[in-house]
């Protein structure tokens, strides 16, 4: 939210999504975790730009979109379950850890997780502008 409030330029949110995607990739996640961050960052940037970065509602939904991109590793767990388990075992994780991480991904669990991301991102999108105003805008106005 601070990025949207301060920069107000095309590709700022996209760049943030790209940086997070590279961090996913460098931390050992495969491309299935990399691309959702890029795609969601791009869509979030378009959404914020559609109101010239002035609409709190669109900025909030832009934040929801960019946050949703962090679901990339869960796509890997759903779509390539055996490869994900193998990768965890190769990294030195034991089977107890693997079974604890690997939730039974049903449609219901997927919808629950998606809804949880949206609710938390909306809450963060609601708190973000208030914190930005309190900690950055008011301090700059007061010369602090």
Protein backbone atom coordinates (compact mmCIF):
# COMPACT_ATOMS: atom_id res chain seq x y z
CA UNK A 1 0.00 0.00 0.00
CA UNK A 2 2.92 2.33 0.72
CA UNK A 3 4.39 1.49 -2.67
CA UNK A 4 1.16 2.47 -4.44
CA UNK A 5 0.80 5.64 -2.34
CA UNK A 6 4.38 6.81 -2.81
CA UNK A 7 5.45 5.70 -6.29
CA UNK A 8 2.23 5.93 -8.36
CA UNK A 9 4.02 4.75 -11.48
CA UNK A 10 3.34 1.95 -13.92
CA UNK A 11 5.29 -1.23 -13.18
CA UNK A 12 6.07 -0.47 -9.51
CA UNK A 13 3.74 -3.23 -8.30
CA UNK A 14 4.81 -5.45 -11.19
CA UNK A 15 8.45 -4.98 -10.16
CA UNK A 16 7.62 -5.93 -6.58
CA UNK A 17 5.90 -9.06 -7.85
CA UNK A 18 8.90 -9.85 -10.04
CA UNK A 19 11.33 -9.46 -7.13
CA UNK A 20 9.21 -11.76 -4.97
CA UNK A 21 9.02 -14.25 -7.85
CA UNK A 22 12.81 -14.28 -8.15
CA UNK A 23 13.09 -14.84 -4.39
CA UNK A 24 10.71 -17.81 -4.72
CA UNK A 25 12.83 -19.18 -7.54
CA UNK A 26 16.12 -18.65 -5.68
CA UNK A 27 14.75 -20.31 -2.55
CA UNK A 28 14.34 -23.54 -4.48
CA UNK A 29 10.76 -23.39 -5.71
CA UNK A 30 10.20 -24.39 -9.29
CA UNK A 31 8.62 -22.24 -11.98
CA UNK A 32 5.13 -23.19 -10.86
CA UNK A 33 5.77 -21.00 -7.81
CA UNK A 34 7.54 -18.33 -9.90
CA UNK A 35 4.86 -17.56 -12.47
CA UNK A 36 1.85 -16.86 -10.21
CA UNK A 37 3.83 -14.05 -8.55
CA UNK A 38 4.65 -12.53 -11.92
CA UNK A 39 1.11 -12.85 -13.24
CA UNK A 40 -0.53 -11.55 -10.07
CA UNK A 41 1.95 -8.65 -9.91
CA UNK A 42 1.10 -7.70 -13.48
CA UNK A 43 -2.66 -7.88 -12.85
CA UNK A 44 -2.30 -5.94 -9.59
CA UNK A 45 -0.39 -3.20 -11.40
CA UNK A 46 -3.09 -2.95 -14.06
CA UNK A 47 -5.78 -2.73 -11.40
CA UNK A 48 -4.00 0.03 -9.46
CA UNK A 49 -3.20 1.92 -12.67
CA UNK A 50 -6.85 1.79 -13.80
CA UNK A 51 -7.64 4.49 -11.21
CA UNK A 52 -4.29 6.31 -11.55
CA UNK A 53 -3.39 4.94 -8.12
CA UNK A 54 -6.01 7.17 -6.45
CA UNK A 55 -8.83 4.76 -5.59
CA UNK A 56 -8.48 3.15 -2.13
CA UNK A 57 -10.80 0.34 -3.20
CA UNK A 58 -8.82 -0.52 -6.32
CA UNK A 59 -5.56 -0.23 -4.41
CA UNK A 60 -6.96 -2.65 -1.83
CA UNK A 61 -7.98 -5.15 -4.52
CA UNK A 62 -4.60 -4.67 -6.18
CA UNK A 63 -3.02 -5.66 -2.87
CA UNK A 64 -5.31 -8.70 -2.68
CA UNK A 65 -4.17 -9.70 -6.14
CA UNK A 66 -0.45 -9.31 -5.48
CA UNK A 67 -0.82 -11.17 -2.18
CA UNK A 68 -2.61 -14.01 -3.92
CA UNK A 69 0.50 -14.63 -5.97
CA UNK A 70 2.19 -16.07 -2.89
CA UNK A 71 0.05 -19.18 -3.33
CA UNK A 72 2.51 -20.40 -5.95
CA UNK A 73 4.10 -23.15 -3.81
CA UNK A 74 0.66 -24.56 -3.01
CA UNK A 75 0.00 -25.01 -6.74
CA UNK A 76 3.14 -27.12 -6.89
CA UNK A 77 1.86 -29.21 -3.96
CA UNK A 78 -1.47 -29.78 -5.75
CA UNK A 79 -0.42 -30.29 -9.32
CA UNK A 80 2.90 -32.06 -8.84
CA UNK A 81 2.44 -33.75 -5.48
CA UNK A 82 4.95 -36.59 -5.95
CA UNK A 83 7.65 -34.26 -7.31
CA UNK A 84 7.10 -31.90 -4.38
CA UNK A 85 7.43 -34.73 -1.86
CA UNK A 86 10.59 -35.94 -3.59
CA UNK A 87 12.07 -32.44 -3.52
CA UNK A 88 11.38 -32.16 0.22
CA UNK A 89 13.02 -35.52 0.86
CA UNK A 90 16.04 -34.52 -1.25
CA UNK A 91 16.38 -31.38 0.88
CA UNK A 92 16.79 -33.58 3.94
CA UNK A 93 13.27 -33.40 5.34
CA UNK A 94 12.00 -36.56 7.01
CA UNK A 95 8.72 -38.25 6.17
CA UNK A 96 7.05 -36.99 9.38
CA UNK A 97 7.67 -33.42 8.23
CA UNK A 98 6.46 -34.22 4.72
CA UNK A 99 3.18 -35.75 5.90
CA UNK A 100 2.62 -32.74 8.16
CA UNK A 101 3.12 -30.32 5.28
CA UNK A 102 1.18 -32.25 2.66
CA UNK A 103 -2.44 -31.46 3.43
CA UNK A 104 -5.07 -33.42 1.52
CA UNK A 105 -5.78 -30.88 -1.21
CA UNK A 106 -9.42 -31.23 -2.07
CA UNK A 107 -11.52 -28.61 -3.82
CA UNK A 108 -12.94 -27.62 -0.43
CA UNK A 109 -9.48 -27.13 1.06
CA UNK A 110 -8.41 -25.12 -1.98
CA UNK A 111 -11.43 -22.83 -1.73
CA UNK A 112 -10.91 -22.44 2.01
CA UNK A 113 -7.28 -21.45 1.46
CA UNK A 114 -8.19 -19.05 -1.36
CA UNK A 115 -10.87 -17.43 0.80
CA UNK A 116 -8.46 -17.15 3.71
CA UNK A 117 -5.91 -15.36 1.49
CA UNK A 118 -8.55 -12.93 0.23
CA UNK A 119 -9.89 -12.13 3.72
CA UNK A 120 -6.41 -11.60 5.17
CA UNK A 121 -5.33 -9.49 2.19
CA UNK A 122 -8.48 -7.36 2.46
CA UNK A 123 -7.72 -6.83 6.14
CA UNK A 124 -4.14 -5.89 5.27
CA UNK A 125 -5.41 -3.64 2.48
CA UNK A 126 -7.68 -1.92 4.98
CA UNK A 127 -4.95 -1.52 7.64
CA UNK A 128 -2.21 -0.54 5.16
CA UNK A 129 -3.51 2.93 4.23
CA UNK A 130 -4.16 3.75 7.88
CA UNK A 131 -0.63 2.77 8.85
CA UNK A 132 0.79 4.59 5.84
CA UNK A 133 -1.06 7.74 6.82
CA UNK A 134 -0.09 7.49 10.48
CA UNK A 135 3.55 6.50 10.12
CA UNK A 136 4.63 8.10 6.85
CA UNK A 137 2.34 10.87 5.66
CA UNK A 138 1.70 12.55 9.04
CA UNK A 139 5.39 12.34 10.00
CA UNK A 140 6.48 13.91 6.72
CA UNK A 141 3.87 16.67 7.15
CA UNK A 142 5.07 17.33 10.69
CA UNK A 143 8.72 17.44 9.61
CA UNK A 144 9.66 14.30 11.54
